[in-house]
């Protein structure tokens, strides 16, 4: 699974849900994580207010 983070607490994760590849968008605020929604394409991330230029891949999972 891959993850990308934005500076304002946004987390985008590549997941499989019901045999479909999706992007799960969540937002961390004051220690709590809120689900913002799911996207079928990268273009749909803009609907959640995500600037693709700000996303940074989270490489912490590469060592698991």
N, C-alpha and C. Protein backbone atom coordinates (compact mmCIF):
# COMPACT_ATOMS: atom_id res chain seq x y z
N UNK A 1 0.84 -1.17 0.00
CA UNK A 1 0.00 0.00 0.00
C UNK A 1 0.89 1.24 0.00
N UNK A 2 0.55 2.21 -0.79
CA UNK A 2 1.29 3.47 -0.87
C UNK A 2 0.51 4.57 -0.19
N UNK A 3 1.24 5.54 0.35
CA UNK A 3 0.63 6.69 1.01
C UNK A 3 1.33 7.96 0.56
N UNK A 4 0.54 9.02 0.48
CA UNK A 4 1.07 10.34 0.18
C UNK A 4 0.49 11.31 1.19
N UNK A 5 1.29 12.27 1.62
CA UNK A 5 0.86 13.24 2.62
C UNK A 5 0.97 14.65 2.06
N UNK A 6 0.05 15.50 2.51
CA UNK A 6 0.09 16.92 2.20
C UNK A 6 0.39 17.67 3.50
N UNK A 7 0.93 18.87 3.40
CA UNK A 7 1.35 19.58 4.61
C UNK A 7 0.23 19.91 5.59
N UNK A 8 -1.00 19.93 5.16
CA UNK A 8 -2.11 20.33 6.05
C UNK A 8 -2.82 19.14 6.71
N UNK A 9 -2.16 17.99 6.79
CA UNK A 9 -2.74 16.84 7.47
C UNK A 9 -3.53 15.90 6.59
N UNK A 10 -3.51 16.12 5.29
CA UNK A 10 -4.21 15.24 4.35
C UNK A 10 -3.37 13.99 4.11
N UNK A 11 -4.02 12.84 4.10
CA UNK A 11 -3.38 11.57 3.79
C UNK A 11 -4.14 10.91 2.65
N UNK A 12 -3.42 10.50 1.61
CA UNK A 12 -4.01 9.79 0.48
C UNK A 12 -3.37 8.40 0.46
N UNK A 13 -4.20 7.36 0.47
CA UNK A 13 -3.71 5.99 0.47
C UNK A 13 -4.27 5.23 -0.71
N UNK A 14 -3.43 4.45 -1.38
CA UNK A 14 -3.88 3.56 -2.44
C UNK A 14 -4.35 2.28 -1.78
N UNK A 15 -5.62 1.92 -1.97
CA UNK A 15 -6.19 0.75 -1.31
C UNK A 15 -6.98 -0.08 -2.33
N UNK A 16 -7.36 -1.27 -1.91
CA UNK A 16 -8.29 -2.12 -2.66
C UNK A 16 -9.53 -2.26 -1.80
N UNK A 17 -10.68 -1.88 -2.34
CA UNK A 17 -11.95 -1.97 -1.62
C UNK A 17 -12.95 -2.66 -2.53
N UNK A 18 -13.47 -3.80 -2.08
CA UNK A 18 -14.41 -4.59 -2.90
C UNK A 18 -13.82 -4.90 -4.27
N UNK A 19 -12.57 -5.32 -4.28
CA UNK A 19 -11.84 -5.71 -5.51
C UNK A 19 -11.63 -4.55 -6.48
N UNK A 20 -11.76 -3.31 -6.01
CA UNK A 20 -11.53 -2.14 -6.87
C UNK A 20 -10.39 -1.31 -6.29
N UNK A 21 -9.46 -0.88 -7.12
CA UNK A 21 -8.41 0.02 -6.62
C UNK A 21 -8.99 1.43 -6.43
N UNK A 22 -8.76 1.99 -5.27
CA UNK A 22 -9.27 3.32 -4.94
C UNK A 22 -8.20 4.12 -4.21
N UNK A 23 -8.41 5.40 -4.14
CA UNK A 23 -7.61 6.28 -3.30
C UNK A 23 -8.49 6.73 -2.14
N UNK A 24 -8.03 6.46 -0.92
CA UNK A 24 -8.78 6.88 0.27
C UNK A 24 -8.17 8.19 0.77
N UNK A 25 -9.01 9.18 0.97
CA UNK A 25 -8.57 10.50 1.41
C UNK A 25 -9.03 10.71 2.84
N UNK A 26 -8.09 10.99 3.72
CA UNK A 26 -8.43 11.29 5.11
C UNK A 26 -7.69 12.55 5.55
N UNK A 27 -8.15 13.12 6.65
CA UNK A 27 -7.61 14.38 7.14
C UNK A 27 -7.39 14.25 8.64
N UNK A 28 -6.18 14.53 9.09
CA UNK A 28 -5.86 14.46 10.51
C UNK A 28 -5.95 15.86 11.12
N UNK A 29 -6.82 15.99 12.14
CA UNK A 29 -7.04 17.27 12.80
C UNK A 29 -7.03 17.04 14.30
N UNK A 30 -6.16 17.74 15.00
CA UNK A 30 -6.08 17.67 16.47
C UNK A 30 -6.01 16.23 16.98
N UNK A 31 -5.21 15.40 16.33
CA UNK A 31 -5.03 14.03 16.78
C UNK A 31 -6.10 13.05 16.35
N UNK A 32 -7.10 13.50 15.62
CA UNK A 32 -8.16 12.62 15.13
C UNK A 32 -8.09 12.55 13.62
N UNK A 33 -8.44 11.39 13.07
CA UNK A 33 -8.43 11.19 11.63
C UNK A 33 -9.87 11.09 11.13
N UNK A 34 -10.19 11.91 10.12
CA UNK A 34 -11.52 11.94 9.54
C UNK A 34 -11.45 11.49 8.09
N UNK A 35 -12.33 10.59 7.71
CA UNK A 35 -12.41 10.15 6.32
C UNK A 35 -13.08 11.24 5.50
N UNK A 36 -12.42 11.64 4.42
CA UNK A 36 -13.00 12.65 3.52
C UNK A 36 -13.68 11.99 2.33
N UNK A 37 -13.23 10.79 1.95
CA UNK A 37 -13.89 10.11 0.84
C UNK A 37 -12.95 9.21 0.07
N UNK A 38 -13.49 8.65 -1.00
CA UNK A 38 -12.74 7.74 -1.87
C UNK A 38 -12.74 8.30 -3.28
N UNK A 39 -11.66 8.08 -4.00
CA UNK A 39 -11.54 8.53 -5.39
C UNK A 39 -11.15 7.34 -6.26
N UNK A 40 -11.76 7.27 -7.43
CA UNK A 40 -11.42 6.22 -8.39
C UNK A 40 -10.25 6.64 -9.28
N UNK A 41 -10.04 7.95 -9.42
CA UNK A 41 -8.94 8.44 -10.26
C UNK A 41 -8.19 9.55 -9.52
N UNK A 42 -6.99 9.80 -9.97
CA UNK A 42 -6.18 10.87 -9.39
C UNK A 42 -6.84 12.23 -9.65
N UNK A 43 -7.48 12.38 -10.79
CA UNK A 43 -8.14 13.65 -11.11
C UNK A 43 -9.22 14.01 -10.10
N UNK A 44 -9.84 13.03 -9.47
CA UNK A 44 -10.89 13.29 -8.49
C UNK A 44 -10.33 13.86 -7.18
N UNK A 45 -9.04 13.78 -6.94
CA UNK A 45 -8.46 14.33 -5.72
C UNK A 45 -8.68 15.84 -5.63
N UNK A 46 -8.75 16.50 -6.77
CA UNK A 46 -8.99 17.94 -6.80
C UNK A 46 -10.34 18.26 -6.18
N UNK A 47 -11.32 17.37 -6.31
CA UNK A 47 -12.64 17.59 -5.71
C UNK A 47 -12.57 17.64 -4.18
N UNK A 48 -11.51 17.09 -3.61
CA UNK A 48 -11.32 17.10 -2.16
C UNK A 48 -10.39 18.23 -1.73
N UNK A 49 -10.06 19.12 -2.67
CA UNK A 49 -9.21 20.27 -2.35
C UNK A 49 -7.74 19.94 -2.23
N UNK A 50 -7.31 18.86 -2.86
CA UNK A 50 -5.92 18.42 -2.76
C UNK A 50 -5.13 18.95 -3.94
N UNK A 51 -4.02 19.62 -3.64
CA UNK A 51 -3.10 20.09 -4.66
C UNK A 51 -2.06 18.99 -4.87
N UNK A 52 -2.05 18.39 -6.03
CA UNK A 52 -1.15 17.27 -6.31
C UNK A 52 0.31 17.65 -6.15
N UNK A 53 0.64 18.90 -6.39
CA UNK A 53 2.02 19.36 -6.27
C UNK A 53 2.51 19.33 -4.82
N UNK A 54 1.59 19.35 -3.87
CA UNK A 54 1.97 19.34 -2.45
C UNK A 54 2.11 17.94 -1.87
N UNK A 55 1.64 16.92 -2.56
CA UNK A 55 1.70 15.56 -2.03
C UNK A 55 3.14 15.04 -2.05
N UNK A 56 3.51 14.41 -0.93
CA UNK A 56 4.83 13.81 -0.78
C UNK A 56 4.63 12.34 -0.41
N UNK A 57 5.31 11.45 -1.13
CA UNK A 57 5.16 10.03 -0.85
C UNK A 57 5.74 9.70 0.52
N UNK A 58 4.99 8.93 1.28
CA UNK A 58 5.41 8.49 2.61
C UNK A 58 6.22 7.21 2.43
N UNK A 59 7.51 7.28 2.62
CA UNK A 59 8.38 6.12 2.40
C UNK A 59 8.56 5.26 3.64
N UNK A 60 7.92 5.60 4.76
CA UNK A 60 8.05 4.82 5.99
C UNK A 60 7.55 3.40 5.80
N UNK A 61 6.59 3.19 4.91
CA UNK A 61 6.04 1.86 4.70
C UNK A 61 6.97 0.95 3.90
N UNK A 62 7.96 1.52 3.21
CA UNK A 62 8.86 0.73 2.40
C UNK A 62 9.71 -0.23 3.22
N UNK A 63 9.88 0.07 4.50
CA UNK A 63 10.75 -0.75 5.35
C UNK A 63 10.02 -1.85 6.09
N UNK A 64 8.71 -1.97 5.90
CA UNK A 64 7.92 -3.00 6.60
C UNK A 64 8.05 -4.33 5.92
